[in-house]
Amino acid sequence: LKARAIAHAAERIPGIKEIPVVVVVEAAEIV
C-alpha cells in the first residue's frame, strides 16, 4: 500500500521521476 501510494504521488508531481534517487539520498543525509 505504501509503495502504491508513493508511485501514485510520483505520477502526480511533475518532474519527480527525473530526480535521481542518489541525489535524494544524499540530500537526506545532509539534512
Full PDB file with SEQRES, HELIX, SHEET, SSBOND, CRYST1, ORIGX, SCALE, CONECT and MASTER records, all heavy atoms in Angstrom:
SEQRES   1 A   31  LEU LYS ALA ARG ALA ILE ALA HIS ALA ALA GLU ARG ILE          
SEQRES   2 A   31  PRO GLY ILE LYS GLU ILE PRO VAL VAL VAL VAL VAL GLU          
SEQRES   3 A   31  ALA ALA GLU ILE VAL                                          
HELIX    1 AA1 LYS A    2  ARG A   12  1                                  11    
HELIX    2 AA2 ILE A   16  GLU A   18  5                                   3    
HELIX    3 AA3 VAL A   21  ILE A   30  1                                  10    
CRYST1    1.000    1.000    1.000  90.00  90.00  90.00 P 1           1          
ORIGX1      1.000000  0.000000  0.000000        0.00000                         
ORIGX2      0.000000  1.000000  0.000000        0.00000                         
ORIGX3      0.000000  0.000000  1.000000        0.00000                         
SCALE1      1.000000  0.000000  0.000000        0.00000                         
SCALE2      0.000000  1.000000  0.000000        0.00000                         
SCALE3      0.000000  0.000000  1.000000        0.00000                         
ATOM      1  N   LEU A   1       0.832  -1.200   0.000  1.00  0.00           N  
ATOM      2  CA  LEU A   1       0.000   0.000   0.000  1.00  0.00           C  
ATOM      3  C   LEU A   1       0.867   1.250   0.000  1.00  0.00           C  
ATOM      4  O   LEU A   1       0.588   2.205  -0.735  1.00  0.00           O  
ATOM      5  CB  LEU A   1      -0.929  -0.010   1.216  1.00  0.00           C  
ATOM      6  CG  LEU A   1      -1.890   1.171   1.327  1.00  0.00           C  
ATOM      7  CD1 LEU A   1      -2.838   1.190   0.140  1.00  0.00           C  
ATOM      8  CD2 LEU A   1      -2.669   1.065   2.617  1.00  0.00           C  
ATOM      9  N   LYS A   2       1.949   1.230   0.797  1.00  0.00           N  
ATOM     10  CA  LYS A   2       2.870   2.372   0.821  1.00  0.00           C  
ATOM     11  C   LYS A   2       3.505   2.572  -0.552  1.00  0.00           C  
ATOM     12  O   LYS A   2       3.594   3.689  -1.050  1.00  0.00           O  
ATOM     13  CB  LYS A   2       3.981   2.159   1.850  1.00  0.00           C  
ATOM     14  CG  LYS A   2       3.629   2.526   3.240  1.00  0.00           C  
ATOM     15  CD  LYS A   2       4.865   2.407   4.104  1.00  0.00           C  
ATOM     16  CE  LYS A   2       4.555   2.608   5.548  1.00  0.00           C  
ATOM     17  NZ  LYS A   2       5.728   2.435   6.382  1.00  0.00           N  
ATOM     18  N   ALA A   3       3.982   1.485  -1.136  1.00  0.00           N  
ATOM     19  CA  ALA A   3       4.633   1.570  -2.446  1.00  0.00           C  
ATOM     20  C   ALA A   3       3.669   2.128  -3.489  1.00  0.00           C  
ATOM     21  O   ALA A   3       4.049   2.963  -4.323  1.00  0.00           O  
ATOM     22  CB  ALA A   3       5.156   0.204  -2.866  1.00  0.00           C  
ATOM     23  N   ARG A   4       2.413   1.684  -3.438  1.00  0.00           N  
ATOM     24  CA  ARG A   4       1.426   2.193  -4.402  1.00  0.00           C  
ATOM     25  C   ARG A   4       1.140   3.664  -4.175  1.00  0.00           C  
ATOM     26  O   ARG A   4       0.989   4.433  -5.127  1.00  0.00           O  
ATOM     27  CB  ARG A   4       0.146   1.378  -4.304  1.00  0.00           C  
ATOM     28  CG  ARG A   4       0.286   0.031  -4.964  1.00  0.00           C  
ATOM     29  CD  ARG A   4      -1.006  -0.710  -5.159  1.00  0.00           C  
ATOM     30  NE  ARG A   4      -2.196  -0.071  -4.624  1.00  0.00           N  
ATOM     31  CZ  ARG A   4      -3.221  -0.730  -4.107  1.00  0.00           C  
ATOM     32  NH1 ARG A   4      -3.189  -2.034  -4.033  1.00  0.00           N  
ATOM     33  NH2 ARG A   4      -4.274  -0.083  -3.660  1.00  0.00           N  
ATOM     34  N   ALA A   5       1.088   4.084  -2.914  1.00  0.00           N  
ATOM     35  CA  ALA A   5       0.837   5.492  -2.609  1.00  0.00           C  
ATOM     36  C   ALA A   5       1.988   6.366  -3.108  1.00  0.00           C  
ATOM     37  O   ALA A   5       1.762   7.435  -3.678  1.00  0.00           O  
ATOM     38  CB  ALA A   5       0.645   5.681  -1.110  1.00  0.00           C  
ATOM     39  N   ILE A   6       3.206   5.889  -2.903  1.00  0.00           N  
ATOM     40  CA  ILE A   6       4.374   6.646  -3.378  1.00  0.00           C  
ATOM     41  C   ILE A   6       4.382   6.714  -4.896  1.00  0.00           C  
ATOM     42  O   ILE A   6       4.636   7.765  -5.493  1.00  0.00           O  
ATOM     43  CB  ILE A   6       5.671   6.026  -2.826  1.00  0.00           C  
ATOM     44  CG1 ILE A   6       5.753   6.256  -1.319  1.00  0.00           C  
ATOM     45  CG2 ILE A   6       6.896   6.603  -3.524  1.00  0.00           C  
ATOM     46  CD1 ILE A   6       6.857   5.492  -0.632  1.00  0.00           C  
ATOM     47  N   ALA A   7       4.094   5.596  -5.550  1.00  0.00           N  
ATOM     48  CA  ALA A   7       4.047   5.570  -7.013  1.00  0.00           C  
ATOM     49  C   ALA A   7       2.972   6.506  -7.538  1.00  0.00           C  
ATOM     50  O   ALA A   7       3.175   7.234  -8.516  1.00  0.00           O  
ATOM     51  CB  ALA A   7       3.819   4.152  -7.500  1.00  0.00           C  
ATOM     52  N   HIS A   8       1.820   6.521  -6.883  1.00  0.00           N  
ATOM     53  CA  HIS A   8       0.726   7.405  -7.298  1.00  0.00           C  
ATOM     54  C   HIS A   8       1.139   8.871  -7.142  1.00  0.00           C  
ATOM     55  O   HIS A   8       0.884   9.692  -8.027  1.00  0.00           O  
ATOM     56  CB  HIS A   8      -0.527   7.111  -6.481  1.00  0.00           C  
ATOM     57  CG  HIS A   8      -1.701   7.950  -6.865  1.00  0.00           C  
ATOM     58  ND1 HIS A   8      -2.334   7.826  -8.086  1.00  0.00           N  
ATOM     59  CD2 HIS A   8      -2.334   8.944  -6.202  1.00  0.00           C  
ATOM     60  CE1 HIS A   8      -3.307   8.711  -8.153  1.00  0.00           C  
ATOM     61  NE2 HIS A   8      -3.338   9.398  -7.017  1.00  0.00           N  
ATOM     62  N   ALA A   9       1.783   9.191  -6.026  1.00  0.00           N  
ATOM     63  CA  ALA A   9       2.230  10.567  -5.803  1.00  0.00           C  
ATOM     64  C   ALA A   9       3.280  10.955  -6.837  1.00  0.00           C  
ATOM     65  O   ALA A   9       3.291  12.087  -7.336  1.00  0.00           O  
ATOM     66  CB  ALA A   9       2.795  10.713  -4.397  1.00  0.00           C  
ATOM     67  N   ALA A  10       4.172  10.023  -7.176  1.00  0.00           N  
ATOM     68  CA  ALA A  10       5.212  10.312  -8.165  1.00  0.00           C  
ATOM     69  C   ALA A  10       4.604  10.607  -9.532  1.00  0.00           C  
ATOM     70  O   ALA A  10       5.152  11.411 -10.295  1.00  0.00           O  
ATOM     71  CB  ALA A  10       6.184   9.141  -8.249  1.00  0.00           C  
ATOM     72  N   GLU A  11       3.491   9.976  -9.848  1.00  0.00           N  
ATOM     73  CA  GLU A  11       2.836  10.243 -11.129  1.00  0.00           C  
ATOM     74  C   GLU A  11       2.202  11.625 -11.160  1.00  0.00           C  
ATOM     75  O   GLU A  11       2.141  12.265 -12.208  1.00  0.00           O  
ATOM     76  CB  GLU A  11       1.749   9.192 -11.386  1.00  0.00           C  
ATOM     77  CG  GLU A  11       2.286   7.819 -11.683  1.00  0.00           C  
ATOM     78  CD  GLU A  11       1.186   6.776 -11.773  1.00  0.00           C  
ATOM     79  OE1 GLU A  11      -0.006   7.148 -11.642  1.00  0.00           O  
ATOM     80  OE2 GLU A  11       1.519   5.600 -11.956  1.00  0.00           O  
ATOM     81  N   ARG A  12       1.764  12.100 -10.029  1.00  0.00           N  
ATOM     82  CA  ARG A  12       1.028  13.368  -9.985  1.00  0.00           C  
ATOM     83  C   ARG A  12       1.932  14.589  -9.850  1.00  0.00           C  
ATOM     84  O   ARG A  12       1.509  15.693 -10.129  1.00  0.00           O  
ATOM     85  CB  ARG A  12       0.038  13.342  -8.827  1.00  0.00           C  
ATOM     86  CG  ARG A  12      -0.922  12.155  -8.982  1.00  0.00           C  
ATOM     87  CD  ARG A  12      -2.097  12.270  -8.142  1.00  0.00           C  
ATOM     88  NE  ARG A  12      -2.935  13.335  -8.724  1.00  0.00           N  
ATOM     89  CZ  ARG A  12      -3.899  13.931  -8.069  1.00  0.00           C  
ATOM     90  NH1 ARG A  12      -4.158  13.584  -6.853  1.00  0.00           N  
ATOM     91  NH2 ARG A  12      -4.609  14.862  -8.642  1.00  0.00           N  
ATOM     92  N   ILE A  13       3.176  14.399  -9.406  1.00  0.00           N  
ATOM     93  CA  ILE A  13       4.095  15.522  -9.223  1.00  0.00           C  
ATOM     94  C   ILE A  13       4.986  15.619 -10.457  1.00  0.00           C  
ATOM     95  O   ILE A  13       5.765  14.709 -10.731  1.00  0.00           O  
ATOM     96  CB  ILE A  13       4.950  15.347  -7.955  1.00  0.00           C  
ATOM     97  CG1 ILE A  13       4.045  15.242  -6.732  1.00  0.00           C  
ATOM     98  CG2 ILE A  13       5.937  16.497  -7.808  1.00  0.00           C  
ATOM     99  CD1 ILE A  13       4.773  14.875  -5.460  1.00  0.00           C  
ATOM    100  N   PRO A  14       4.879  16.709 -11.206  1.00  0.00           N  
ATOM    101  CA  PRO A  14       5.665  16.810 -12.440  1.00  0.00           C  
ATOM    102  C   PRO A  14       7.166  16.872 -12.152  1.00  0.00           C  
ATOM    103  O   PRO A  14       7.620  17.552 -11.238  1.00  0.00           O  
ATOM    104  CB  PRO A  14       5.186  18.113 -13.076  1.00  0.00           C  
ATOM    105  CG  PRO A  14       4.368  18.807 -12.066  1.00  0.00           C  
ATOM    106  CD  PRO A  14       4.044  17.854 -10.969  1.00  0.00           C  
ATOM    107  N   GLY A  15       7.929  16.132 -12.926  1.00  0.00           N  
ATOM    108  CA  GLY A  15       9.380  16.178 -12.823  1.00  0.00           C  
ATOM    109  C   GLY A  15       9.986  15.306 -11.749  1.00  0.00           C  
ATOM    110  O   GLY A  15      11.207  15.183 -11.669  1.00  0.00           O  
ATOM    111  N   ILE A  16       9.178  14.675 -10.917  1.00  0.00           N  
ATOM    112  CA  ILE A  16       9.723  13.901  -9.789  1.00  0.00           C  
ATOM    113  C   ILE A  16      10.465  12.661 -10.282  1.00  0.00           C  
ATOM    114  O   ILE A  16      11.440  12.235  -9.668  1.00  0.00           O  
ATOM    115  CB  ILE A  16       8.620  13.530  -8.771  1.00  0.00           C  
ATOM    116  CG1 ILE A  16       9.221  13.070  -7.445  1.00  0.00           C  
ATOM    117  CG2 ILE A  16       7.730  12.444  -9.292  1.00  0.00           C  
ATOM    118  CD1 ILE A  16       9.686  14.165  -6.587  1.00  0.00           C  
ATOM    119  N   LYS A  17      10.041  12.099 -11.382  1.00  0.00           N  
ATOM    120  CA  LYS A  17      10.693  10.887 -11.884  1.00  0.00           C  
ATOM    121  C   LYS A  17      12.091  11.177 -12.432  1.00  0.00           C  
ATOM    122  O   LYS A  17      12.905  10.275 -12.528  1.00  0.00           O  
ATOM    123  CB  LYS A  17       9.841  10.227 -12.956  1.00  0.00           C  
ATOM    124  CG  LYS A  17       8.597   9.567 -12.403  1.00  0.00           C  
ATOM    125  CD  LYS A  17       7.843   8.863 -13.491  1.00  0.00           C  
ATOM    126  CE  LYS A  17       6.604   8.191 -12.934  1.00  0.00           C  
ATOM    127  NZ  LYS A  17       5.844   7.515 -13.975  1.00  0.00           N  
ATOM    128  N   GLU A  18      12.356  12.425 -12.812  1.00  0.00           N  
ATOM    129  CA  GLU A  18      13.657  12.771 -13.379  1.00  0.00           C  
ATOM    130  C   GLU A  18      14.741  12.975 -12.317  1.00  0.00           C  
ATOM    131  O   GLU A  18      15.914  13.075 -12.638  1.00  0.00           O  
ATOM    132  CB  GLU A  18      13.551  14.035 -14.240  1.00  0.00           C  
ATOM    133  CG  GLU A  18      12.900  13.795 -15.592  1.00  0.00           C  
ATOM    134  CD  GLU A  18      11.381  13.675 -15.508  1.00  0.00           C  
ATOM    135  OE1 GLU A  18      10.787  14.316 -14.631  1.00  0.00           O  
ATOM    136  OE2 GLU A  18      10.811  12.931 -16.314  1.00  0.00           O  
ATOM    137  N   ILE A  19      14.358  13.063 -11.047  1.00  0.00           N  
ATOM    138  CA  ILE A  19      15.337  13.266  -9.977  1.00  0.00           C  
ATOM    139  C   ILE A  19      15.973  11.924  -9.637  1.00  0.00           C  
ATOM    140  O   ILE A  19      15.280  10.992  -9.247  1.00  0.00           O  
ATOM    141  CB  ILE A  19      14.678  13.863  -8.722  1.00  0.00           C  
ATOM    142  CG1 ILE A  19      14.066  15.220  -9.036  1.00  0.00           C  
ATOM    143  CG2 ILE A  19      15.702  13.996  -7.596  1.00  0.00           C  
ATOM    144  CD1 ILE A  19      13.266  15.801  -7.894  1.00  0.00           C  
ATOM    145  N   PRO A  20      17.298  11.816  -9.793  1.00  0.00           N  
ATOM    146  CA  PRO A  20      17.949  10.547  -9.458  1.00  0.00           C  
ATOM    147  C   PRO A  20      17.829  10.248  -7.964  1.00  0.00           C  
ATOM    148  O   PRO A  20      17.893  11.137  -7.123  1.00  0.00           O  
ATOM    149  CB  PRO A  20      19.415  10.779  -9.826  1.00  0.00           C  
ATOM    150  CG  PRO A  20      19.422  11.989 -10.684  1.00  0.00           C  
ATOM    151  CD  PRO A  20      18.212  12.786 -10.331  1.00  0.00           C  
ATOM    152  N   VAL A  21      17.653   8.986  -7.648  1.00  0.00           N  
ATOM    153  CA  VAL A  21      17.486   8.559  -6.267  1.00  0.00           C  
ATOM    154  C   VAL A  21      18.725   8.899  -5.447  1.00  0.00           C  
ATOM    155  O   VAL A  21      18.625   9.272  -4.283  1.00  0.00           O  
ATOM    156  CB  VAL A  21      17.186   7.042  -6.205  1.00  0.00           C  
ATOM    157  CG1 VAL A  21      17.148   6.551  -4.780  1.00  0.00           C  
ATOM    158  CG2 VAL A  21      15.890   6.736  -6.909  1.00  0.00           C  
ATOM    159  N   VAL A  22      19.890   8.827  -6.042  1.00  0.00           N  
ATOM    160  CA  VAL A  22      21.139   9.123  -5.334  1.00  0.00           C  
ATOM    161  C   VAL A  22      21.127  10.553  -4.806  1.00  0.00           C  
ATOM    162  O   VAL A  22      21.542  10.812  -3.671  1.00  0.00           O  
ATOM    163  CB  VAL A  22      22.354   8.887  -6.259  1.00  0.00           C  
ATOM    164  CG1 VAL A  22      23.634   9.329  -5.600  1.00  0.00           C  
ATOM    165  CG2 VAL A  22      22.432   7.439  -6.673  1.00  0.00           C  
ATOM    166  N   VAL A  23      20.617  11.477  -5.598  1.00  0.00           N  
ATOM    167  CA  VAL A  23      20.565  12.879  -5.173  1.00  0.00           C  
ATOM    168  C   VAL A  23      19.639  13.029  -3.973  1.00  0.00           C  
ATOM    169  O   VAL A  23      19.950  13.748  -3.013  1.00  0.00           O  
ATOM    170  CB  VAL A  23      20.113  13.776  -6.348  1.00  0.00           C  
ATOM    171  CG1 VAL A  23      19.873  15.199  -5.882  1.00  0.00           C  
ATOM    172  CG2 VAL A  23      21.137  13.744  -7.465  1.00  0.00           C  
ATOM    173  N   VAL A  24      18.526  12.358  -3.993  1.00  0.00           N  
ATOM    174  CA  VAL A  24      17.570  12.429  -2.886  1.00  0.00           C  
ATOM    175  C   VAL A  24      18.185  11.842  -1.620  1.00  0.00           C  
ATOM    176  O   VAL A  24      18.054  12.421  -0.527  1.00  0.00           O  
ATOM    177  CB  VAL A  24      16.257  11.699  -3.251  1.00  0.00           C  
ATOM    178  CG1 VAL A  24      15.318  11.638  -2.067  1.00  0.00           C  
ATOM    179  CG2 VAL A  24      15.593  12.376  -4.432  1.00  0.00           C  
ATOM    180  N   VAL A  25      18.876  10.717  -1.739  1.00  0.00           N  
ATOM    181  CA  VAL A  25      19.508  10.088  -0.573  1.00  0.00           C  
ATOM    182  C   VAL A  25      20.598  10.981  -0.008  1.00  0.00           C  
ATOM    183  O   VAL A  25      20.704  11.169   1.213  1.00  0.00           O  
ATOM    184  CB  VAL A  25      20.061   8.687  -0.948  1.00  0.00           C  
ATOM    185  CG1 VAL A  25      20.920   8.132   0.156  1.00  0.00           C  
ATOM    186  CG2 VAL A  25      18.922   7.746  -1.262  1.00  0.00           C  
ATOM    187  N   GLU A  26      21.426  11.577  -0.875  1.00  0.00           N  
ATOM    188  CA  GLU A  26      22.485  12.472  -0.401  1.00  0.00           C  
ATOM    189  C   GLU A  26      21.899  13.702   0.290  1.00  0.00           C  
ATOM    190  O   GLU A  26      22.399  14.142   1.319  1.00  0.00           O  
ATOM    191  CB  GLU A  26      23.393  12.884  -1.551  1.00  0.00           C  
ATOM    192  CG  GLU A  26      24.311  11.772  -2.008  1.00  0.00           C  
ATOM    193  CD  GLU A  26      25.183  12.159  -3.177  1.00  0.00           C  
ATOM    194  OE1 GLU A  26      24.918  13.195  -3.824  1.00  0.00           O  
ATOM    195  OE2 GLU A  26      26.135  11.421  -3.453  1.00  0.00           O  
ATOM    196  N   ALA A  27      20.832  14.251  -0.267  1.00  0.00           N  
ATOM    197  CA  ALA A  27      20.188  15.408   0.361  1.00  0.00           C  
ATOM    198  C   ALA A  27      19.642  15.031   1.735  1.00  0.00           C  
ATOM    199  O   ALA A  27      19.774  15.800   2.694  1.00  0.00           O  
ATOM    200  CB  ALA A  27      19.066  15.931  -0.531  1.00  0.00           C  
ATOM    201  N   ALA A  28      19.066  13.855   1.853  1.00  0.00           N  
ATOM    202  CA  ALA A  28      18.538  13.401   3.141  1.00  0.00           C  
ATOM    203  C   ALA A  28      19.668  13.225   4.155  1.00  0.00           C  
ATOM    204  O   ALA A  28      19.512  13.576   5.335  1.00  0.00           O  
ATOM    205  CB  ALA A  28      17.776  12.086   2.973  1.00  0.00           C  
ATOM    206  N   GLU A  29      20.812  12.705   3.720  1.00  0.00           N  
ATOM    207  CA  GLU A  29      21.953  12.546   4.628  1.00  0.00           C  
ATOM    208  C   GLU A  29      22.458  13.908   5.115  1.00  0.00           C  
ATOM    209  O   GLU A  29      22.810  14.064   6.287  1.00  0.00           O  
ATOM    210  CB  GLU A  29      23.076  11.783   3.934  1.00  0.00           C  
ATOM    211  CG  GLU A  29      22.780  10.312   3.765  1.00  0.00           C  
ATOM    212  CD  GLU A  29      23.903   9.549   3.084  1.00  0.00           C  
ATOM    213  OE1 GLU A  29      24.872  10.179   2.610  1.00  0.00           O  
ATOM    214  OE2 GLU A  29      23.819   8.316   3.038  1.00  0.00           O  
ATOM    215  N   ILE A  30      22.478  14.898   4.239  1.00  0.00           N  
ATOM    216  CA  ILE A  30      22.923  16.240   4.634  1.00  0.00           C  
ATOM    217  C   ILE A  30      21.928  16.847   5.624  1.00  0.00           C  
ATOM    218  O   ILE A  30      22.331  17.483   6.606  1.00  0.00           O  
ATOM    219  CB  ILE A  30      23.115  17.130   3.396  1.00  0.00           C  
ATOM    220  CG1 ILE A  30      24.303  16.608   2.588  1.00  0.00           C  
ATOM    221  CG2 ILE A  30      23.327  18.587   3.791  1.00  0.00           C  
ATOM    222  CD1 ILE A  30      24.457  17.244   1.231  1.00  0.00           C  
ATOM    223  N   VAL A  31      20.654  16.636   5.394  1.00  0.00           N  
ATOM    224  CA  VAL A  31      19.636  17.134   6.332  1.00  0.00           C  
ATOM    225  C   VAL A  31      19.830  16.497   7.704  1.00  0.00           C  
ATOM    226  O   VAL A  31      19.744  17.174   8.742  1.00  0.00           O  
ATOM    227  CB  VAL A  31      18.218  16.878   5.783  1.00  0.00           C  
ATOM    228  CG1 VAL A  31      17.167  17.103   6.847  1.00  0.00           C  
ATOM    229  CG2 VAL A  31      17.958  17.760   4.581  1.00  0.00           C  
TER     230      VAL A  31                                                      
MASTER        0    0    0    3    0    0    0    6  229    1    0    3          
END                                                                             
